[in-house]
């Protein structure tokens, strides 16, 4: 996660979530999907959680196993086909950071994850793109232009233009990771309201948190003050 304002806010949300669950349940067993290199795992453990994390990348799994090999509060699962997370057993909380937009059937996956959360538990997701059809033309335009400016600064404008041209035409290259791993570009983002409606009957409180997020540090600072939201997180508290 590139920007300290988003990262710090998320870390605060993770600590609050873990402490809230411990207050209700006396413990907090967290299932963290797609943990990457364990950036947020450290914060979950520091807040008092016991963490089971999943990762589909074998090199990342090896790194995580090495990093946490002496920590009895962290268990690493290699989730090659994306099914291990839904078979992890009862947990007090589920955390998905920059994950849901990679999952083709994210609503079905979240429904299975809800079933694993015990009463008093919680669910948190972050850094997923808002559902495109509900976003304004201004929001989409600012988002795309910020992306192009960032690519230009990286010296990768041609790659960025080629990727966007395929997306505008609705033609996707199944051999191109930029098209087929980022499923949200194929299906118009992630439906935050559908996720809210899925979580709402199962939790006492559900909140959608919308915010601006882009790759460029300069445009992030400007966008947080002036631009419409592009991205969202969800916090669901107190499983019924």
Protein backbone atom coordinates (compact mmCIF):
# COMPACT_ATOMS: atom_id res chain seq x y z
CA UNK A 1 0.00 0.00 0.00
CA UNK A 2 1.67 3.16 -1.26
CA UNK A 3 0.22 6.03 0.77
CA UNK A 4 0.73 6.55 4.49
CA UNK A 5 -2.66 8.21 5.04
CA UNK A 6 -4.54 5.15 3.73
CA UNK A 7 -2.13 2.73 5.40
CA UNK A 8 -2.29 4.45 8.79
CA UNK A 9 -6.08 4.61 8.69
CA UNK A 10 -6.26 0.93 7.82
CA UNK A 11 -3.84 -0.04 10.59
CA UNK A 12 -6.01 1.88 13.04
CA UNK A 13 -9.09 0.01 11.79
CA UNK A 14 -7.32 -3.34 12.19
CA UNK A 15 -6.31 -2.59 15.78
CA UNK A 16 -9.83 -1.42 16.62
CA UNK A 17 -11.34 -4.54 15.04
CA UNK A 18 -9.07 -6.93 16.95
CA UNK A 19 -9.56 -5.13 20.26
CA UNK A 20 -13.33 -5.07 19.76
CA UNK A 21 -13.46 -8.81 19.07
CA UNK A 22 -11.22 -9.58 22.06
CA UNK A 23 -13.54 -7.48 24.21
CA UNK A 24 -16.54 -9.52 23.08
CA UNK A 25 -15.04 -13.00 22.66
CA UNK A 26 -11.94 -13.02 24.85
CA UNK A 27 -9.75 -13.85 21.84
CA UNK A 28 -9.38 -12.96 18.17
CA UNK A 29 -8.54 -15.68 15.68
CA UNK A 30 -8.11 -13.89 12.36
CA UNK A 31 -8.24 -15.40 8.88
CA UNK A 32 -6.28 -13.07 6.57
CA UNK A 33 -6.78 -13.74 2.86
CA UNK A 34 -4.04 -12.96 0.37
CA UNK A 35 -1.52 -11.74 2.92
CA UNK A 36 1.18 -10.95 0.36
CA UNK A 37 4.41 -10.37 2.30
CA UNK A 38 2.70 -10.02 5.67
CA UNK A 39 2.63 -6.22 5.83
CA UNK A 40 -0.59 -6.15 7.84
CA UNK A 41 -0.12 -9.50 9.57
CA UNK A 42 2.41 -7.86 11.88
CA UNK A 43 -0.17 -5.29 12.95
CA UNK A 44 -2.87 -7.90 13.56
CA UNK A 45 -0.49 -9.87 15.81
CA UNK A 46 0.62 -6.69 17.58
CA UNK A 47 -3.04 -5.93 18.31
CA UNK A 48 -3.41 -9.32 20.02
CA UNK A 49 -4.69 -11.64 17.28
CA UNK A 50 -3.75 -15.17 16.36
CA UNK A 51 -3.55 -15.11 12.56
CA UNK A 52 -4.06 -17.80 9.94
CA UNK A 53 -3.06 -16.30 6.62
CA UNK A 54 -3.52 -17.61 3.10
CA UNK A 55 -1.57 -16.86 -0.05
CA UNK A 56 -1.82 -18.23 -3.60
CA UNK A 57 1.75 -17.31 -4.60
CA UNK A 58 4.22 -20.08 -3.70
CA UNK A 59 7.21 -17.67 -3.49
CA UNK A 60 5.19 -15.44 -1.14
CA UNK A 61 4.27 -18.47 0.99
CA UNK A 62 7.94 -19.38 1.37
CA UNK A 63 8.75 -15.79 2.37
CA UNK A 64 5.90 -15.74 4.89
CA UNK A 65 6.92 -19.09 6.36
CA UNK A 66 10.45 -17.81 6.83
CA UNK A 67 9.34 -14.46 8.21
CA UNK A 68 6.97 -15.91 10.81
CA UNK A 69 8.68 -19.24 11.52
CA UNK A 70 9.33 -18.32 15.16
CA UNK A 71 5.94 -16.72 15.79
CA UNK A 72 3.45 -19.19 17.32
CA UNK A 73 0.59 -16.76 16.63
CA UNK A 74 0.90 -17.02 12.83
CA UNK A 75 -0.04 -19.99 10.63
CA UNK A 76 0.68 -19.84 6.89
CA UNK A 77 -1.52 -21.75 4.39
CA UNK A 78 -0.62 -22.22 0.73
CA UNK A 79 -3.98 -21.64 -1.00
CA UNK A 80 -3.12 -22.73 -4.54
CA UNK A 81 -6.68 -22.94 -5.86
CA UNK A 82 -8.39 -20.40 -3.60
CA UNK A 83 -10.33 -22.95 -1.54
CA UNK A 84 -8.22 -23.20 1.64
CA UNK A 85 -9.59 -19.95 3.09
CA UNK A 86 -13.14 -21.29 2.98
CA UNK A 87 -12.09 -24.46 4.82
CA UNK A 88 -10.06 -22.87 7.61
CA UNK A 89 -12.65 -23.58 10.30
CA UNK A 90 -14.24 -21.28 12.89
CA UNK A 91 -12.62 -17.83 13.19
CA UNK A 92 -13.36 -14.63 15.06
CA UNK A 93 -12.58 -12.31 12.16
CA UNK A 94 -11.86 -12.30 8.43
CA UNK A 95 -9.58 -9.69 6.85
CA UNK A 96 -9.31 -9.11 3.07
CA UNK A 97 -6.96 -6.30 2.01
CA UNK A 98 -6.68 -5.68 -1.75
CA UNK A 99 -8.15 -9.13 -2.30
CA UNK A 100 -11.83 -9.18 -3.28
CA UNK A 101 -11.30 -7.61 -6.71
CA UNK A 102 -9.04 -10.55 -7.61
CA UNK A 103 -11.78 -13.12 -6.90
CA UNK A 104 -14.21 -13.85 -9.78
CA UNK A 105 -17.12 -14.85 -7.48
CA UNK A 106 -16.37 -12.53 -4.58
CA UNK A 107 -19.97 -12.56 -3.32
CA UNK A 108 -20.01 -16.35 -3.13
CA UNK A 109 -16.64 -16.38 -1.39
CA UNK A 110 -17.69 -13.79 1.18
CA UNK A 111 -20.89 -15.75 1.86
CA UNK A 112 -18.77 -18.81 2.69
CA UNK A 113 -16.44 -16.73 4.86
CA UNK A 114 -19.37 -15.30 6.84
CA UNK A 115 -20.39 -18.85 7.74
CA UNK A 116 -16.98 -19.39 9.37
CA UNK A 117 -17.17 -16.31 11.62
CA UNK A 118 -18.37 -17.06 15.15
CA UNK A 119 -20.86 -14.86 17.05
CA UNK A 120 -19.27 -11.61 18.18
CA UNK A 121 -16.82 -11.75 15.28
CA UNK A 122 -16.05 -9.28 12.51
CA UNK A 123 -15.23 -8.84 8.81
CA UNK A 124 -12.98 -6.21 7.24
CA UNK A 125 -12.10 -5.54 3.61
CA UNK A 126 -10.14 -2.66 2.07
CA UNK A 127 -8.70 -1.31 -1.17
CA UNK A 128 -11.28 -2.55 -3.64
CA UNK A 129 -12.54 -0.42 -6.56
CA UNK A 130 -16.07 0.95 -6.30
CA UNK A 131 -18.72 -0.45 -8.64
CA UNK A 132 -18.21 1.43 -11.91
CA UNK A 133 -21.88 1.83 -12.94
CA UNK A 134 -22.62 3.84 -9.77
CA UNK A 135 -19.63 6.15 -10.19
CA UNK A 136 -20.01 9.51 -11.88
CA UNK A 137 -18.39 10.37 -15.19
CA UNK A 138 -16.19 12.83 -13.30
CA UNK A 139 -15.02 10.14 -10.89
CA UNK A 140 -14.11 7.73 -13.69
CA UNK A 141 -12.36 10.45 -15.70
CA UNK A 142 -10.25 11.66 -12.78
CA UNK A 143 -9.33 8.08 -11.90
CA UNK A 144 -8.22 7.26 -15.46
CA UNK A 145 -6.30 10.50 -15.93
CA UNK A 146 -4.50 9.99 -12.61
CA UNK A 147 -3.52 6.52 -13.80
CA UNK A 148 -2.13 7.88 -17.08
CA UNK A 149 -0.12 10.56 -15.30
CA UNK A 150 1.34 7.96 -12.97
CA UNK A 151 2.25 5.70 -15.93
CA UNK A 152 3.86 8.67 -17.66
CA UNK A 153 5.97 9.32 -14.58
CA UNK A 154 6.99 5.65 -14.55
CA UNK A 155 7.99 5.77 -18.22
CA UNK A 156 5.26 3.22 -19.04
CA UNK A 157 2.70 5.34 -20.89
CA UNK A 158 2.56 3.00 -23.90
CA UNK A 159 1.77 0.02 -21.68
CA UNK A 160 -0.87 2.00 -19.82
CA UNK A 161 -2.51 3.21 -23.05
CA UNK A 162 -2.58 -0.32 -24.47
CA UNK A 163 -4.18 -1.68 -21.31
CA UNK A 164 -6.81 1.07 -21.19
CA UNK A 165 -7.59 0.73 -24.91
CA UNK A 166 -8.39 -2.96 -24.46
CA UNK A 167 -10.62 -2.12 -21.50
CA UNK A 168 -12.48 0.65 -23.33
CA UNK A 169 -13.10 -1.70 -26.27
CA UNK A 170 -14.21 -4.51 -23.97
CA UNK A 171 -11.58 -6.83 -25.44
CA UNK A 172 -9.43 -8.69 -22.92
CA UNK A 173 -6.24 -10.64 -23.45
CA UNK A 174 -6.48 -13.91 -21.52
CA UNK A 175 -2.70 -14.25 -21.61
CA UNK A 176 -2.19 -10.79 -20.08
CA UNK A 177 -2.00 -10.62 -16.28
CA UNK A 178 -3.10 -6.97 -16.31
CA UNK A 179 -6.41 -8.06 -17.83
CA UNK A 180 -7.21 -11.38 -16.23
CA UNK A 181 -5.84 -11.09 -12.68
CA UNK A 182 -7.47 -7.70 -12.12
CA UNK A 183 -10.98 -9.11 -12.56
CA UNK A 184 -12.59 -5.82 -11.59
CA UNK A 185 -11.75 -4.34 -15.01
CA UNK A 186 -13.73 -7.14 -16.65
CA UNK A 187 -16.77 -6.88 -14.41
CA UNK A 188 -16.91 -3.12 -13.70
CA UNK A 189 -15.35 -2.99 -10.25
CA UNK A 190 -16.66 -4.53 -7.02
CA UNK A 191 -20.27 -4.02 -5.95
CA UNK A 192 -19.93 -2.48 -2.49
CA UNK A 193 -23.70 -2.26 -1.96
CA UNK A 194 -24.21 -5.93 -2.79
CA UNK A 195 -21.50 -6.78 -0.26
CA UNK A 196 -23.17 -4.55 2.33
CA UNK A 197 -26.49 -6.28 1.72
CA UNK A 198 -24.83 -9.68 2.05
CA UNK A 199 -23.15 -8.81 5.35
CA UNK A 200 -25.96 -6.78 6.91
CA UNK A 201 -28.23 -9.64 8.08
CA UNK A 202 -25.28 -11.40 9.75
CA UNK A 203 -23.74 -8.50 11.71
CA UNK A 204 -24.99 -5.89 14.14
CA UNK A 205 -23.17 -3.06 12.34
CA UNK A 206 -21.94 -2.80 8.74
CA UNK A 207 -20.22 0.28 7.34
CA UNK A 208 -18.99 1.02 3.82
CA UNK A 209 -16.05 3.44 3.81
CA UNK A 210 -15.48 5.17 0.45
CA UNK A 211 -12.32 7.12 -0.36
CA UNK A 212 -10.00 8.29 -3.14
CA UNK A 213 -7.02 6.08 -3.94
CA UNK A 214 -4.53 6.22 -6.81
CA UNK A 215 -0.95 5.20 -7.51
CA UNK A 216 0.65 8.67 -7.54
CA UNK A 217 1.64 10.15 -4.19
CA UNK A 218 1.08 13.73 -5.35
CA UNK A 219 -2.32 12.98 -6.85
CA UNK A 220 -3.27 10.98 -3.76
CA UNK A 221 -2.73 14.01 -1.55
CA UNK A 222 -4.75 16.22 -3.92
CA UNK A 223 -7.47 13.63 -4.47
CA UNK A 224 -8.08 13.07 -0.78
CA UNK A 225 -9.00 16.74 -0.46
CA UNK A 226 -10.76 17.41 -3.76
CA UNK A 227 -11.73 14.32 -5.78
CA UNK A 228 -14.66 11.88 -5.54
CA UNK A 229 -14.13 8.41 -4.12
CA UNK A 230 -12.75 5.59 -6.25
CA UNK A 231 -12.20 2.87 -3.68
CA UNK A 232 -13.89 1.37 -0.63
CA UNK A 233 -13.48 -0.67 2.49
CA UNK A 234 -16.05 -2.53 4.59
CA UNK A 235 -16.20 -3.12 8.32
CA UNK A 236 -18.81 -5.47 9.76
CA UNK A 237 -18.89 -5.79 13.56
CA UNK A 238 -20.45 -8.20 16.05
CA UNK A 239 -21.53 -11.34 14.18
CA UNK A 240 -25.05 -12.33 15.20
